[in-house]
């Protein structure tokens, strides 16, 4: 009989048997611990030698920038600076619960990038297996089960995003590659016996869920910390990964991994690092399920809109964001902060720098140039010539109205402003025009006799009407 794989069993069986405890798990003897053997290693062996160069204290750097919440051991300060120790292999996990990562995930990528910049090896682990179970951390309800095809697409999309941002130096793995062949009995025998119910119940993510959720916690989600914990065991044993990083809500899952490494492999040398969660001004997390999520994929959020989000952050947040979301030196950020307090400070100068740095990091120089072009071009009166791509880049943020070509050609500008809903009446449009505030494709309209001509239609597809600086309307030619 073929054994079902562990993620499937957990999802389909234990959710319906919430009273089953782990007492039976601890009665099994440990056999040789080797649940998975890869035929191709993604790393050179941990015993291989590296070019020895002095390492800066990356942990101290993270602390100075507000990117350090907790450490499992203070000895990591010494390990990461010891010239006799090979560069650290550091991993961060990402759940494929959507086709894109979002702003809340960006800190993990940034911390990986800091390690990379100081000579260490970044590893991004996509949860193709754990995503089938669902992490209860920070959640009051169980995550909905995803269709396998959707999940696999999410894994692929997230992998591409990470590679695009971090480049060829990041190693991207999928934990389904080693979980798919693990039977439930193997899991009980080789991992479950080391789990202690009291310790698992003591995890903050579990306690909060039991206290805050009326539906309680299914065994499926309860077991998640062991699945993530074993990921660390596997990466440590097979690939020499010795550091796991994550948001502060991942502390319980991370320490589950370091505990299993000590118990199963009977060795030390595994470390956990957490960073503070990126919170909104109201104290809530940036997430996928919230309206207006700041996605990292340009297909879900244009570089222009991504840029505009950071351009509009409050002054109270901008210095903190510069420290944790950019790689500017603390000295340069200090100068920016000092300038903000001076009388001649130009508003949003700090925000502009923040928006440029973060947009370049996530979307590359090409994405930043696209965002800057759209930002400049969409200013009424700007000399930058509009094109269809630039207008489409802001289409999600601006109301649009569709009209036939025969309806648009020779239509008066006042009539068009009213019929599209840009302005309430011709008298309001006429008044705004006389005040110099009515624009067609960013060019000021000087006479109320202006009629739409073929040359006004951008690439034969759209018009952009503006009433003042902020009130705009895209007219699509159908």
Protein backbone atom coordinates (compact mmCIF):
# COMPACT_ATOMS: atom_id res chain seq x y z
CA UNK A 1 0.00 0.00 0.00
CA UNK A 2 1.34 3.45 -0.95
CA UNK A 3 1.66 5.79 2.02
CA UNK A 4 0.08 9.22 1.65
CA UNK A 5 2.49 12.11 2.07
CA UNK A 6 2.54 13.99 5.33
CA UNK A 7 1.11 17.36 4.23
CA UNK A 8 -1.90 15.62 2.68
CA UNK A 9 -2.50 13.47 5.77
CA UNK A 10 -2.33 16.45 8.08
CA UNK A 11 -4.80 18.40 6.00
CA UNK A 12 -7.29 15.66 5.30
CA UNK A 13 -7.11 13.52 8.43
CA UNK A 14 -6.13 15.39 11.56
CA UNK A 15 -8.38 18.37 10.92
CA UNK A 16 -11.24 15.94 11.53
CA UNK A 17 -9.65 14.37 14.62
CA UNK A 18 -8.94 17.40 16.84
CA UNK A 19 -8.84 15.28 20.00
CA UNK A 20 -5.89 13.17 18.85
CA UNK A 21 -2.83 14.05 20.94
CA UNK A 22 0.86 13.68 20.32
CA UNK A 23 1.24 11.23 23.17
CA UNK A 24 1.67 8.37 20.74
CA UNK A 25 4.25 10.32 18.81
CA UNK A 26 6.71 10.35 21.70
CA UNK A 27 6.70 6.55 22.06
CA UNK A 28 8.65 5.85 18.89
CA UNK A 29 12.36 5.16 18.77
CA UNK A 30 14.63 7.27 16.63
CA UNK A 31 15.97 5.54 13.58
CA UNK A 32 18.72 6.86 11.38
CA UNK A 33 17.58 10.41 10.66
CA UNK A 34 17.48 10.75 6.92
CA UNK A 35 14.03 11.60 5.59
CA UNK A 36 15.30 12.98 2.35
CA UNK A 37 18.49 12.78 0.31
CA UNK A 38 19.01 15.18 -2.54
CA UNK A 39 20.89 13.96 -5.58
CA UNK A 40 22.06 17.48 -6.31
CA UNK A 41 23.21 19.82 -3.57
CA UNK A 42 22.44 23.51 -3.96
CA UNK A 43 25.54 24.36 -1.95
CA UNK A 44 29.07 23.20 -1.72
CA UNK A 45 29.64 20.96 1.29
CA UNK A 46 29.77 22.73 4.62
CA UNK A 47 33.24 21.21 5.05
CA UNK A 48 34.59 22.97 1.97
CA UNK A 49 36.93 25.87 2.55
CA UNK A 50 36.14 29.46 1.62
CA UNK A 51 38.35 32.45 1.04
CA UNK A 52 38.85 33.74 4.56
CA UNK A 53 38.01 37.43 4.94
CA UNK A 54 37.14 39.38 8.08
CA UNK A 55 33.37 39.65 8.49
CA UNK A 56 31.59 42.74 9.79
CA UNK A 57 29.12 42.18 12.59
CA UNK A 58 25.92 41.92 10.56
CA UNK A 59 23.88 41.37 13.72
CA UNK A 60 25.04 44.71 15.11
CA UNK A 61 24.20 46.39 11.81
CA UNK A 62 20.67 44.98 11.91
CA UNK A 63 20.31 46.15 15.49
CA UNK A 64 21.43 49.70 14.64
CA UNK A 65 18.87 49.93 11.85
CA UNK A 66 15.93 48.63 13.89
CA UNK A 67 15.93 45.27 12.12
CA UNK A 68 16.67 43.07 15.13
CA UNK A 69 14.03 41.85 17.56
CA UNK A 70 15.46 38.67 19.14
CA UNK A 71 18.38 36.23 18.93
CA UNK A 72 18.40 32.62 20.07
CA UNK A 73 22.04 33.06 21.13
CA UNK A 74 24.29 36.07 21.62
CA UNK A 75 27.19 33.96 20.36
CA UNK A 76 25.99 34.69 16.82
CA UNK A 77 27.75 38.07 17.19
CA UNK A 78 31.06 36.22 17.42
CA UNK A 79 30.27 33.58 14.80
CA UNK A 80 29.43 36.09 12.08
CA UNK A 81 32.69 37.99 12.60
CA UNK A 82 35.10 35.08 13.07
CA UNK A 83 37.50 34.98 10.08
CA UNK A 84 38.03 31.26 10.69
CA UNK A 85 34.34 30.46 10.20
CA UNK A 86 32.94 29.98 6.70
CA UNK A 87 30.29 32.46 5.53
CA UNK A 88 26.92 31.76 7.10
CA UNK A 89 24.08 30.25 5.11
CA UNK A 90 20.93 32.11 6.15
CA UNK A 91 17.36 31.25 5.23
CA UNK A 92 13.99 32.92 5.36
CA UNK A 93 10.72 31.13 4.62
CA UNK A 94 7.87 32.49 2.49
CA UNK A 95 4.38 30.97 2.44
CA UNK A 96 2.90 30.78 -1.09
CA UNK A 97 -0.60 31.83 -0.04
CA UNK A 98 -0.80 34.37 -2.89
CA UNK A 99 0.89 34.81 -6.24
CA UNK A 100 2.92 37.73 -4.95
CA UNK A 101 4.78 38.72 -1.84
CA UNK A 102 3.71 41.97 -0.21
CA UNK A 103 5.25 44.78 1.79
CA UNK A 104 5.05 42.74 4.99
CA UNK A 105 7.37 40.14 3.39
CA UNK A 106 9.83 42.76 2.18
CA UNK A 107 11.70 42.92 5.50
CA UNK A 108 12.69 39.27 5.16
CA UNK A 109 14.16 39.95 1.71
CA UNK A 110 15.93 43.06 3.00
CA UNK A 111 17.50 41.17 5.91
CA UNK A 112 18.64 38.43 3.50
CA UNK A 113 20.14 41.16 1.33
CA UNK A 114 22.04 42.59 4.30
CA UNK A 115 23.58 39.18 4.97
CA UNK A 116 24.44 38.87 1.27
CA UNK A 117 26.10 42.29 1.24
CA UNK A 118 28.44 41.17 4.01
CA UNK A 119 29.55 37.96 2.38
CA UNK A 120 26.99 35.42 3.59
CA UNK A 121 24.77 33.11 1.53
CA UNK A 122 21.01 33.92 1.37
CA UNK A 123 18.46 31.14 1.01
CA UNK A 124 14.77 31.70 0.27
CA UNK A 125 12.58 28.74 1.20
CA UNK A 126 9.17 28.68 -0.47
CA UNK A 127 6.63 26.61 1.48
CA UNK A 128 5.21 24.40 -1.22
CA UNK A 129 4.52 21.78 1.48
CA UNK A 130 3.83 23.91 4.56
CA UNK A 131 1.58 26.11 2.44
CA UNK A 132 -0.79 23.13 2.23
CA UNK A 133 -1.14 23.18 6.02
CA UNK A 134 -1.14 26.87 6.94
CA UNK A 135 0.76 28.81 9.57
CA UNK A 136 -1.52 29.89 12.46
CA UNK A 137 0.90 32.64 13.54
CA UNK A 138 -0.93 35.95 13.81
CA UNK A 139 -4.20 34.48 12.52
CA UNK A 140 -7.53 34.10 14.33
CA UNK A 141 -9.01 31.73 11.74
CA UNK A 142 -7.62 28.76 9.84
CA UNK A 143 -6.29 29.65 6.42
CA UNK A 144 -8.43 28.45 3.50
CA UNK A 145 -7.08 25.44 1.61
CA UNK A 146 -5.60 26.31 -1.76
CA UNK A 147 -6.07 24.33 -4.95
CA UNK A 148 -2.84 22.49 -5.84
CA UNK A 149 -2.52 24.22 -9.22
CA UNK A 150 -2.94 27.63 -7.60
CA UNK A 151 -0.41 26.74 -4.93
CA UNK A 152 2.17 25.61 -7.49
CA UNK A 153 1.63 28.79 -9.50
CA UNK A 154 2.13 30.84 -6.34
CA UNK A 155 5.39 29.01 -5.62
CA UNK A 156 6.65 29.78 -9.12
CA UNK A 157 5.63 33.44 -9.00
CA UNK A 158 7.17 34.05 -5.56
CA UNK A 159 10.38 32.30 -6.59
CA UNK A 160 10.65 34.64 -9.58
CA UNK A 161 10.08 37.72 -7.41
CA UNK A 162 12.82 36.72 -4.96
CA UNK A 163 15.28 35.98 -7.75
CA UNK A 164 14.51 39.27 -9.46
CA UNK A 165 15.17 41.26 -6.29
CA UNK A 166 18.18 39.39 -4.88
CA UNK A 167 19.73 38.26 -8.16
CA UNK A 168 21.75 35.14 -8.94
CA UNK A 169 23.35 34.93 -5.50
CA UNK A 170 20.18 33.78 -3.74
CA UNK A 171 19.35 30.07 -3.51
CA UNK A 172 15.62 29.44 -3.87
CA UNK A 173 14.23 26.14 -2.54
CA UNK A 174 10.79 24.54 -2.25
CA UNK A 175 10.23 22.43 0.87
CA UNK A 176 7.79 20.21 -1.00
CA UNK A 177 10.86 18.68 -2.65
CA UNK A 178 11.72 16.84 0.59
CA UNK A 179 8.28 16.58 2.18
CA UNK A 180 6.56 14.89 -0.77
CA UNK A 181 8.17 11.50 -0.04
CA UNK A 182 7.83 11.57 3.75
CA UNK A 183 5.12 9.28 5.12
CA UNK A 184 3.26 10.09 8.29
CA UNK A 185 4.82 7.10 10.06
CA UNK A 186 8.30 8.37 9.17
CA UNK A 187 7.37 11.72 10.63
CA UNK A 188 6.12 10.20 13.88
CA UNK A 189 9.17 7.99 14.22
CA UNK A 190 11.86 10.48 13.32
CA UNK A 191 10.45 13.83 14.41
CA UNK A 192 7.33 13.45 16.52
CA UNK A 193 9.02 11.62 19.40
CA UNK A 194 11.06 14.75 20.14
CA UNK A 195 7.99 17.00 20.40
CA UNK A 196 6.66 17.87 23.86
CA UNK A 197 3.06 18.95 24.16
CA UNK A 198 3.81 21.43 26.93
CA UNK A 199 6.47 23.17 24.88
CA UNK A 200 4.27 23.29 21.80
CA UNK A 201 1.32 24.69 23.75
CA UNK A 202 3.62 27.31 25.24
CA UNK A 203 4.39 28.87 21.86
CA UNK A 204 2.97 32.39 21.66
CA UNK A 205 1.26 31.78 18.30
CA UNK A 206 -0.57 28.76 19.76
CA UNK A 207 -1.55 30.48 23.02
CA UNK A 208 -2.93 33.52 21.22
CA UNK A 209 -4.92 31.39 18.84
CA UNK A 210 -6.45 29.34 21.66
CA UNK A 211 -7.33 32.49 23.58
CA UNK A 212 -8.66 34.61 20.71
CA UNK A 213 -10.38 32.15 18.38
CA UNK A 214 -13.78 30.62 19.15
CA UNK A 215 -13.04 27.76 16.77
CA UNK A 216 -9.82 26.87 18.57
CA UNK A 217 -6.86 25.35 16.76
CA UNK A 218 -6.92 22.26 14.56
CA UNK A 219 -4.24 19.61 14.88
CA UNK A 220 -3.22 20.49 11.34
CA UNK A 221 -2.21 24.00 12.31
CA UNK A 222 -0.90 22.84 15.68
CA UNK A 223 1.59 20.63 13.85
CA UNK A 224 2.84 23.49 11.66
CA UNK A 225 5.63 24.41 14.05
CA UNK A 226 7.05 20.87 13.74
CA UNK A 227 6.95 21.03 9.95
CA UNK A 228 8.80 24.34 9.87
CA UNK A 229 11.10 23.07 12.59
CA UNK A 230 12.05 20.07 10.49
CA UNK A 231 12.73 22.32 7.51
CA UNK A 232 15.51 23.86 9.59
CA UNK A 233 16.80 20.39 10.54
CA UNK A 234 16.90 19.36 6.89
CA UNK A 235 18.62 22.54 5.72
CA UNK A 236 21.10 22.39 8.60
CA UNK A 237 22.01 18.73 8.10
CA UNK A 238 21.94 18.47 4.31
CA UNK A 239 23.00 21.95 3.21
CA UNK A 240 24.84 23.58 6.09
CA UNK A 241 22.27 26.33 6.68
CA UNK A 242 22.84 27.50 10.25
CA UNK A 243 20.69 30.65 10.59
CA UNK A 244 16.94 31.10 10.18
CA UNK A 245 15.44 34.58 10.08
CA UNK A 246 11.82 35.65 10.31
CA UNK A 247 9.39 38.21 11.67
CA UNK A 248 8.83 38.39 15.41
CA UNK A 249 5.65 36.30 15.01
CA UNK A 250 7.87 33.42 13.79
CA UNK A 251 9.84 33.11 17.02
CA UNK A 252 8.00 29.96 18.13
CA UNK A 253 8.47 28.24 14.79
CA UNK A 254 12.14 29.21 14.63
CA UNK A 255 12.92 27.96 18.14
CA UNK A 256 11.07 24.75 17.31
CA UNK A 257 13.73 24.24 14.64
CA UNK A 258 16.72 25.00 16.85
CA UNK A 259 15.29 22.67 19.53
CA UNK A 260 14.86 19.81 17.03
CA UNK A 261 18.39 20.27 15.73
CA UNK A 262 19.77 19.92 19.26
CA UNK A 263 17.61 16.88 20.05
CA UNK A 264 17.72 15.00 16.76
CA UNK A 265 21.19 15.83 15.50
CA UNK A 266 22.62 16.28 19.00
CA UNK A 267 24.60 19.35 18.02
CA UNK A 268 24.60 23.09 18.51
CA UNK A 269 25.43 25.76 15.97
CA UNK A 270 21.93 26.62 14.74
CA UNK A 271 20.71 30.17 15.31
CA UNK A 272 17.46 32.06 15.02
CA UNK A 273 17.07 35.78 14.31
CA UNK A 274 13.81 37.71 14.29
CA UNK A 275 13.10 41.23 13.11
CA UNK A 276 10.16 43.47 14.11
CA UNK A 277 7.05 43.26 11.98
CA UNK A 278 6.51 46.16 9.62
CA UNK A 279 3.46 47.92 11.00
CA UNK A 280 1.17 50.61 9.69
CA UNK A 281 0.71 53.84 11.59
CA UNK A 282 -2.35 52.32 13.30
CA UNK A 283 -0.27 49.39 14.56
CA UNK A 284 -1.67 46.76 12.16
CA UNK A 285 0.44 44.52 9.91
CA UNK A 286 0.81 44.90 6.18
CA UNK A 287 -0.86 41.81 4.79
CA UNK A 288 -2.32 40.14 1.74
CA UNK A 289 -5.88 40.03 3.03
CA UNK A 290 -6.12 43.74 3.75
CA UNK A 291 -7.58 46.16 1.22
CA UNK A 292 -4.89 48.06 -0.60
CA UNK A 293 -2.10 45.53 -0.03
CA UNK A 294 1.28 46.79 -1.24
CA UNK A 295 2.21 43.93 -3.58
CA UNK A 296 5.77 43.41 -4.82
CA UNK A 297 4.66 42.04 -8.19
CA UNK A 298 4.30 44.73 -10.89
CA UNK A 299 1.40 42.77 -12.38
CA UNK A 300 -0.63 43.37 -9.21
CA UNK A 301 0.69 46.83 -8.32
CA UNK A 302 2.40 49.08 -10.83
CA UNK A 303 5.84 50.52 -10.01
CA UNK A 304 4.17 53.94 -10.19
CA UNK A 305 1.64 53.10 -7.49
CA UNK A 306 4.33 51.36 -5.43
CA UNK A 307 6.46 54.51 -5.66
CA UNK A 308 3.51 56.75 -4.78
CA UNK A 309 2.81 54.75 -1.62
CA UNK A 310 6.23 55.57 -0.18
CA UNK A 311 6.16 59.10 -1.52
CA UNK A 312 3.07 59.69 0.62
CA UNK A 313 4.14 58.14 3.93
CA UNK A 314 3.78 60.51 6.92
CA UNK A 315 6.77 62.53 8.11
CA UNK A 316 6.53 60.67 11.42
CA UNK A 317 7.34 57.36 9.67
CA UNK A 318 9.76 58.34 6.93
CA UNK A 319 13.03 58.23 8.92
CA UNK A 320 12.16 54.84 10.43
CA UNK A 321 11.31 53.51 6.97
CA UNK A 322 14.59 54.86 5.57
CA UNK A 323 16.49 52.88 8.20
CA UNK A 324 14.68 49.57 7.78
CA UNK A 325 13.69 49.59 4.11
CA UNK A 326 16.75 51.12 2.42
CA UNK A 327 20.49 50.54 2.38
CA UNK A 328 21.42 54.20 2.81
CA UNK A 329 24.06 54.75 5.47
CA UNK A 330 22.86 55.85 8.88
CA UNK A 331 24.97 58.99 8.43
CA UNK A 332 23.10 59.91 5.24
CA UNK A 333 19.76 59.22 6.90
CA UNK A 334 20.84 61.40 9.80
CA UNK A 335 21.50 64.29 7.41
CA UNK A 336 18.05 63.83 5.86
CA UNK A 337 16.45 63.84 9.31
CA UNK A 338 18.34 67.00 10.24
CA UNK A 339 17.23 68.74 7.03
CA UNK A 340 13.61 67.89 7.78
CA UNK A 341 13.82 70.06 10.91
CA UNK A 342 15.09 73.15 9.09
CA UNK A 343 12.85 76.02 7.98
CA UNK A 344 13.83 75.79 4.32
CA UNK A 345 13.04 72.08 4.01
CA UNK A 346 11.09 71.22 0.86
CA UNK A 347 8.14 68.97 1.84
CA UNK A 348 8.37 65.31 0.79
CA UNK A 349 12.09 65.46 0.01
CA UNK A 350 12.75 62.59 2.45
CA UNK A 351 9.76 60.67 1.09
CA UNK A 352 11.05 61.08 -2.45
CA UNK A 353 14.38 59.55 -1.45
CA UNK A 354 12.61 56.71 0.34
CA UNK A 355 10.35 56.01 -2.64
CA UNK A 356 13.30 56.01 -5.07
CA UNK A 357 15.42 53.64 -2.97
CA UNK A 358 12.68 51.10 -2.21
CA UNK A 359 11.26 51.13 -5.75
CA UNK A 360 14.73 50.57 -7.22
CA UNK A 361 15.37 47.67 -4.83
CA UNK A 362 12.08 45.91 -5.64
CA UNK A 363 11.50 46.82 -9.29
CA UNK A 364 15.01 47.62 -10.49
CA UNK A 365 16.22 50.76 -12.23
CA UNK A 366 13.80 50.19 -15.11
CA UNK A 367 10.84 50.06 -12.71
CA UNK A 368 12.01 53.21 -10.94
CA UNK A 369 12.35 55.07 -14.22
CA UNK A 370 8.85 53.96 -15.18
CA UNK A 371 7.51 55.26 -11.86
CA UNK A 372 9.39 58.57 -12.15
CA UNK A 373 8.23 59.05 -15.72
CA UNK A 374 4.62 58.50 -14.77
CA UNK A 375 4.93 60.74 -11.72
CA UNK A 376 6.40 63.57 -13.76
CA UNK A 377 4.19 63.09 -16.79
CA UNK A 378 1.01 63.14 -14.75
CA UNK A 379 1.68 66.56 -13.33
CA UNK A 380 -0.61 69.03 -15.14
CA UNK A 381 1.55 71.25 -17.29
CA UNK A 382 4.50 68.84 -17.34
CA UNK A 383 6.54 68.85 -20.52
CA UNK A 384 6.98 65.08 -20.51
CA UNK A 385 5.02 63.63 -23.41
CA UNK A 386 2.36 61.14 -22.39
CA UNK A 387 2.25 57.69 -23.95
CA UNK A 388 -0.26 54.88 -23.64
CA UNK A 389 1.96 52.75 -21.38
CA UNK A 390 2.38 55.59 -18.89
CA UNK A 391 -1.37 56.17 -18.71
CA UNK A 392 -2.06 52.44 -18.33
CA UNK A 393 0.43 52.36 -15.47
CA UNK A 394 -1.87 54.56 -13.39
CA UNK A 395 -5.17 53.23 -14.73
CA UNK A 396 -6.01 51.39 -11.49
CA UNK A 397 -5.75 54.62 -9.52
CA UNK A 398 -7.80 56.87 -11.77
CA UNK A 399 -11.47 56.69 -12.82
CA UNK A 400 -12.00 55.80 -16.47
CA UNK A 401 -14.78 56.25 -18.96
CA UNK A 402 -15.22 54.46 -22.30
CA UNK A 403 -16.50 56.22 -25.42
CA UNK A 404 -16.65 55.43 -29.11
CA UNK A 405 -14.33 57.25 -31.49
CA UNK A 406 -17.29 58.90 -33.21
CA UNK A 407 -18.48 60.24 -29.84
CA UNK A 408 -15.10 61.74 -28.99
CA UNK A 409 -13.98 63.32 -32.25
CA UNK A 410 -15.10 66.96 -32.56
CA UNK A 411 -16.59 66.82 -29.06
CA UNK A 412 -16.12 70.10 -27.19
CA UNK A 413 -13.81 69.99 -24.17
CA UNK A 414 -16.51 71.35 -21.87
CA UNK A 415 -19.06 68.75 -22.99
CA UNK A 416 -16.47 65.96 -22.69
CA UNK A 417 -15.54 67.01 -19.14
CA UNK A 418 -19.18 66.76 -18.09
CA UNK A 419 -20.21 63.63 -20.03
CA UNK A 420 -17.26 61.63 -18.61
CA UNK A 421 -18.09 62.69 -15.05
CA UNK A 422 -14.91 64.69 -14.50
CA UNK A 423 -16.97 67.78 -13.65
CA UNK A 424 -20.59 68.23 -12.65
CA UNK A 425 -21.65 70.89 -15.14
CA UNK A 426 -20.53 72.96 -18.12
CA UNK A 427 -20.57 76.06 -15.95
CA UNK A 428 -18.15 74.40 -13.51
CA UNK A 429 -15.95 73.31 -16.43
CA UNK A 430 -16.04 76.82 -17.94
CA UNK A 431 -15.14 78.39 -14.60
CA UNK A 432 -12.22 75.99 -14.09
CA UNK A 433 -10.98 76.61 -17.65
CA UNK A 434 -10.93 80.39 -17.06
CA UNK A 435 -8.93 79.77 -13.88
CA UNK A 436 -6.36 77.81 -15.89
CA UNK A 437 -7.15 74.49 -14.20
CA UNK A 438 -8.54 72.36 -17.06
CA UNK A 439 -6.05 70.11 -18.86
CA UNK A 440 -6.11 67.73 -21.81
CA UNK A 441 -3.22 65.24 -21.79
CA UNK A 442 -1.51 67.54 -19.26
CA UNK A 443 -1.68 70.53 -21.59
CA UNK A 444 -3.68 73.49 -20.29
CA UNK A 445 -6.83 74.19 -22.28
CA UNK A 446 -6.99 77.94 -22.95
CA UNK A 447 -10.20 78.26 -24.94
CA UNK A 448 -13.65 76.79 -24.34
CA UNK A 449 -14.04 76.29 -28.07
CA UNK A 450 -11.44 73.50 -28.02
CA UNK A 451 -12.67 70.31 -29.74
CA UNK A 452 -11.07 66.85 -29.64
CA UNK A 453 -9.01 66.00 -32.72
CA UNK A 454 -7.39 62.76 -33.86
CA UNK A 455 -3.98 64.10 -32.80
CA UNK A 456 -5.22 64.51 -29.21
CA UNK A 457 -5.91 60.79 -28.77
CA UNK A 458 -2.76 59.18 -27.28
CA UNK A 459 -1.71 56.37 -29.63
CA UNK A 460 -5.31 56.20 -30.80
CA UNK A 461 -6.39 54.67 -27.49
CA UNK A 462 -6.88 57.14 -24.63
CA UNK A 463 -7.26 60.72 -23.48
CA UNK A 464 -6.33 62.08 -20.06
CA UNK A 465 -8.48 64.87 -18.66
CA UNK A 466 -7.42 66.78 -15.53
CA UNK A 467 -9.37 69.18 -13.36
CA UNK A 468 -6.67 70.73 -11.23
CA UNK A 469 -3.74 68.68 -9.95
CA UNK A 470 -5.50 65.66 -8.48
CA UNK A 471 -8.88 65.16 -10.18
CA UNK A 472 -8.28 63.10 -13.33
CA UNK A 473 -10.26 60.98 -15.77
CA UNK A 474 -9.00 58.47 -18.34
CA UNK A 475 -11.15 58.38 -21.47
CA UNK A 476 -10.77 55.05 -23.26
CA UNK A 477 -11.59 54.99 -26.94
CA UNK A 478 -13.62 51.89 -27.77
